[in-house]
N, C-alpha and C. Protein backbone atom coordinates (compact mmCIF):
# COMPACT_ATOMS: atom_id res chain seq x y z
N MET A 1 0.84 -1.17 0.00
CA MET A 1 0.00 0.00 0.00
C MET A 1 0.89 1.24 0.00
N LEU A 2 0.50 2.23 -0.78
CA LEU A 2 1.25 3.48 -0.86
C LEU A 2 1.10 4.30 0.41
N SER A 3 2.17 4.94 0.82
CA SER A 3 2.09 5.89 1.92
C SER A 3 1.43 7.17 1.40
N ASP A 4 1.04 8.05 2.31
CA ASP A 4 0.45 9.33 1.89
C ASP A 4 1.42 10.10 1.02
N LEU A 5 2.68 10.14 1.42
CA LEU A 5 3.69 10.88 0.66
C LEU A 5 3.86 10.30 -0.74
N ASP A 6 3.93 8.98 -0.86
CA ASP A 6 4.06 8.34 -2.17
C ASP A 6 2.85 8.62 -3.05
N LEU A 7 1.68 8.60 -2.47
CA LEU A 7 0.46 8.86 -3.25
C LEU A 7 0.45 10.31 -3.74
N VAL A 8 0.84 11.24 -2.90
CA VAL A 8 0.91 12.65 -3.31
C VAL A 8 1.94 12.83 -4.42
N ARG A 9 3.07 12.16 -4.30
CA ARG A 9 4.10 12.23 -5.35
C ARG A 9 3.56 11.71 -6.68
N GLU A 10 2.85 10.59 -6.65
CA GLU A 10 2.25 10.03 -7.86
C GLU A 10 1.22 10.98 -8.45
N PHE A 11 0.43 11.61 -7.59
CA PHE A 11 -0.55 12.60 -8.05
C PHE A 11 0.14 13.74 -8.79
N VAL A 12 1.19 14.28 -8.20
CA VAL A 12 1.91 15.40 -8.82
C VAL A 12 2.58 14.95 -10.12
N TYR A 13 3.26 13.82 -10.09
CA TYR A 13 3.95 13.32 -11.29
C TYR A 13 2.98 13.09 -12.44
N ASN A 14 1.89 12.36 -12.18
CA ASN A 14 0.92 12.09 -13.25
C ASN A 14 0.26 13.37 -13.74
N SER A 15 0.02 14.30 -12.86
CA SER A 15 -0.59 15.56 -13.26
C SER A 15 0.35 16.37 -14.15
N ILE A 16 1.62 16.41 -13.82
CA ILE A 16 2.60 17.12 -14.65
C ILE A 16 2.72 16.44 -16.01
N GLN A 17 2.67 15.11 -16.04
CA GLN A 17 2.76 14.35 -17.29
C GLN A 17 1.44 14.33 -18.06
N LYS A 18 0.39 14.96 -17.50
CA LYS A 18 -0.95 15.02 -18.12
C LYS A 18 -1.56 13.63 -18.29
N LYS A 19 -1.36 12.78 -17.27
CA LYS A 19 -1.88 11.41 -17.29
C LYS A 19 -3.01 11.25 -16.29
N ASP A 20 -3.95 10.38 -16.62
CA ASP A 20 -5.02 10.02 -15.69
C ASP A 20 -4.44 9.29 -14.50
N ILE A 21 -5.17 9.32 -13.38
CA ILE A 21 -4.71 8.65 -12.17
C ILE A 21 -5.90 8.01 -11.46
N LEU A 22 -5.64 6.90 -10.83
CA LEU A 22 -6.63 6.23 -9.97
C LEU A 22 -5.86 5.45 -8.92
N LEU A 23 -5.66 6.08 -7.76
CA LEU A 23 -4.92 5.47 -6.65
C LEU A 23 -5.62 5.81 -5.34
N ALA A 24 -5.43 4.96 -4.36
CA ALA A 24 -6.01 5.23 -3.04
C ALA A 24 -5.24 4.49 -1.97
N ASN A 25 -5.29 5.03 -0.77
CA ASN A 25 -4.81 4.33 0.42
C ASN A 25 -5.84 4.58 1.52
N ARG A 26 -5.47 4.37 2.75
CA ARG A 26 -6.45 4.50 3.83
C ARG A 26 -6.99 5.92 4.01
N SER A 27 -6.19 6.93 3.69
CA SER A 27 -6.64 8.30 3.95
C SER A 27 -6.76 9.18 2.71
N LEU A 28 -6.11 8.83 1.60
CA LEU A 28 -6.12 9.67 0.40
C LEU A 28 -6.65 8.91 -0.82
N THR A 29 -7.27 9.66 -1.72
CA THR A 29 -7.72 9.13 -3.00
C THR A 29 -7.29 10.10 -4.10
N ALA A 30 -6.71 9.57 -5.16
CA ALA A 30 -6.35 10.38 -6.33
C ALA A 30 -7.07 9.78 -7.53
N GLN A 31 -7.83 10.61 -8.23
CA GLN A 31 -8.56 10.11 -9.39
C GLN A 31 -8.78 11.23 -10.40
N THR A 32 -9.03 10.82 -11.64
CA THR A 32 -9.30 11.76 -12.71
C THR A 32 -10.80 11.80 -12.99
N VAL A 33 -11.33 13.01 -13.06
CA VAL A 33 -12.74 13.22 -13.39
C VAL A 33 -12.80 14.37 -14.39
N TYR A 34 -13.30 14.10 -15.58
CA TYR A 34 -13.45 15.13 -16.62
C TYR A 34 -12.18 15.94 -16.85
N ASN A 35 -11.07 15.27 -17.11
CA ASN A 35 -9.77 15.91 -17.40
C ASN A 35 -9.21 16.73 -16.26
N ILE A 36 -9.62 16.42 -15.03
CA ILE A 36 -9.07 17.08 -13.85
C ILE A 36 -8.66 16.00 -12.86
N ASN A 37 -7.40 16.04 -12.46
CA ASN A 37 -6.94 15.13 -11.41
C ASN A 37 -7.32 15.72 -10.06
N HIS A 38 -7.92 14.90 -9.21
CA HIS A 38 -8.35 15.32 -7.87
C HIS A 38 -7.58 14.51 -6.84
N LEU A 39 -7.16 15.19 -5.79
CA LEU A 39 -6.59 14.53 -4.62
C LEU A 39 -7.51 14.85 -3.45
N ALA A 40 -8.04 13.82 -2.83
CA ALA A 40 -9.03 14.02 -1.77
C ALA A 40 -8.70 13.18 -0.55
N THR A 41 -9.14 13.68 0.60
CA THR A 41 -9.05 12.90 1.83
C THR A 41 -10.46 12.47 2.22
N LYS A 42 -10.55 11.42 2.97
CA LYS A 42 -11.86 10.97 3.42
C LYS A 42 -12.47 11.95 4.40
N ALA A 43 -11.65 12.63 5.17
CA ALA A 43 -12.14 13.56 6.18
C ALA A 43 -12.39 14.97 5.64
N GLU A 44 -11.53 15.45 4.73
CA GLU A 44 -11.59 16.84 4.28
C GLU A 44 -12.17 17.04 2.89
N GLY A 45 -12.32 16.00 2.12
CA GLY A 45 -12.77 16.16 0.74
C GLY A 45 -11.59 16.51 -0.16
N ILE A 46 -11.86 17.21 -1.25
CA ILE A 46 -10.82 17.55 -2.23
C ILE A 46 -9.84 18.55 -1.63
N ILE A 47 -8.55 18.20 -1.71
CA ILE A 47 -7.52 19.09 -1.18
C ILE A 47 -6.59 19.63 -2.28
N ALA A 48 -6.65 19.04 -3.48
CA ALA A 48 -5.83 19.53 -4.58
C ALA A 48 -6.45 19.09 -5.91
N THR A 49 -6.30 19.94 -6.92
CA THR A 49 -6.74 19.60 -8.27
C THR A 49 -5.68 20.05 -9.27
N ALA A 50 -5.69 19.39 -10.42
CA ALA A 50 -4.79 19.76 -11.52
C ALA A 50 -5.51 19.51 -12.84
N GLN A 51 -5.59 20.54 -13.67
CA GLN A 51 -6.23 20.42 -14.98
C GLN A 51 -5.28 19.71 -15.93
N LEU A 52 -5.81 18.74 -16.68
CA LEU A 52 -4.98 17.99 -17.62
C LEU A 52 -5.03 18.56 -19.03
N ASN A 53 -6.01 19.38 -19.33
CA ASN A 53 -6.19 19.86 -20.70
C ASN A 53 -5.62 21.26 -20.92
N THR A 54 -4.71 21.71 -20.06
CA THR A 54 -4.04 22.99 -20.26
C THR A 54 -2.57 22.74 -20.60
N THR A 55 -1.95 23.70 -21.25
CA THR A 55 -0.56 23.53 -21.66
C THR A 55 0.38 23.53 -20.46
N ALA A 56 0.23 24.50 -19.60
CA ALA A 56 1.07 24.59 -18.40
C ALA A 56 0.41 23.80 -17.25
N SER A 57 1.23 23.21 -16.41
CA SER A 57 0.70 22.50 -15.25
C SER A 57 0.30 23.52 -14.19
N GLU A 58 -0.94 23.42 -13.75
CA GLU A 58 -1.45 24.35 -12.74
C GLU A 58 -2.17 23.55 -11.67
N PHE A 59 -1.77 23.76 -10.43
CA PHE A 59 -2.35 23.04 -9.30
C PHE A 59 -3.11 24.02 -8.42
N LEU A 60 -4.26 23.62 -7.96
CA LEU A 60 -5.00 24.37 -6.94
C LEU A 60 -4.96 23.53 -5.68
N ILE A 61 -4.46 24.12 -4.61
CA ILE A 61 -4.24 23.36 -3.37
C ILE A 61 -4.91 24.07 -2.21
N ARG A 62 -5.66 23.31 -1.41
CA ARG A 62 -6.29 23.86 -0.22
C ARG A 62 -5.20 24.15 0.81
N SER A 63 -5.10 25.39 1.21
CA SER A 63 -3.99 25.81 2.08
C SER A 63 -4.15 25.33 3.53
N ASN A 64 -5.36 25.07 3.98
CA ASN A 64 -5.55 24.70 5.38
C ASN A 64 -5.71 23.19 5.59
N SER A 65 -5.28 22.39 4.63
CA SER A 65 -5.37 20.95 4.78
C SER A 65 -4.29 20.43 5.73
N SER A 66 -4.62 19.39 6.44
CA SER A 66 -3.63 18.78 7.33
C SER A 66 -2.61 17.93 6.57
N HIS A 67 -2.81 17.73 5.29
CA HIS A 67 -1.88 16.95 4.47
C HIS A 67 -0.97 17.88 3.71
């Protein structure tokens, strides 16, 4: 099972490479929905997103997340 750090790294790597993702562990889920990669926690909901259909990699990150 991936650690939280490994899952976040995979989320960032796949998002930069403009690739779909579908990974999960006990506390985090990373998945692609409508050309947007989402990173979510079970407790907080979506904590980061990355658009796959733009030229430059752009991440939106919730600043008050515990992760």
